[in-house]
Amino acid sequence: MSVAVITFSAEGAIVAEKLVSKLPDSRMFLHTNVVGEWNAERFSRVIDLIAAIFCEYSGLVFIGPCGVAVRCVAPHLTHKTKDPAVVVVDVMARWAVSLVSGHEGGANDLAITVGNILCAEPVISTTTEALKNLIVGIGCRRGTPSTNIVNAIQETLRHADLKLTQVRLLSSADIKSDEDGLLIAGKQLGIPLKFVSSGEIRNCGLEFQHSDFVEDKVSLPAVAEPCALLAGRRTQLIIKKKICDGVTIAVAKESCSSLE
């Protein structure tokens, strides 16, 4: 996916640089009012910029207000299967909002990717995704094949009479963000993979089973259970950690008061 990262401030430029350094085939666009030397293409009117590049990129990431993004892209929208994915990130990198072309156009996946890079919370409001309420936490040794991970997830859910279609996210620790088996498993299952920062795991204060083995190997108190809990909102463990095919799996459920 080719991605244009657009921002209007020095604070946003710092976030944009981090994104561009991690996103292949991406380019930073920075307002001319921002002083300093930046590796970016400059623009003076964002409306003119979007008119020029809207069809040139498959993804647009705005680092700034949602309102600005909405006003800029609105005149160019045609159809969710044709428009670029549009994601908005606040300048403090707290949130990555899937704004336009969420499911079909890839904005949901882009929001997850951006969130993983920035340790930001992806905000996805697509109804079919929002209704899913299970998060699968995964711990595995370095080099674990994707087939083992997929089998472990499927077996754990099957034994609990849960369905894969209920799973909103797979989750693991950020130290596993380059683990091929995990990345491939997520793609094979068609479920987004969210990475939780090691600092958040260490400092979260949630109740979960600590593992001396994991602490010794990766300097974390645990992986599967805290990642299942921390990747979502209002979560509770419904399956405590289980080891299947050499992979540790835990499952958390998100609660929604309006649906209870």
Foldseek 3Di string as FASTA:
>chain_A
DAEEEEEEEPLQLVLVVLVPVPDPNYFYEYEPVYDDDDRHHYDPDVLVVCVVCFQVGQEYEYADDPVVVCVSCVVPDDDLLRGHFYWYAYSVRAETERDGSCPNSCNVLVRQVSCQSSVHQYHDDDPQLVQQWKEKWKDADAPDALVQVLVVVVVVCVVVVHDLSSYAEYEWASVCVVRVSVVVNCVVSVHHYHHHYQVCQQPVPDDAQFDPVCCVVPVGRDIGVVGQVPNDPQKDWPAHWDAGSRMTITMITHDDVVVD
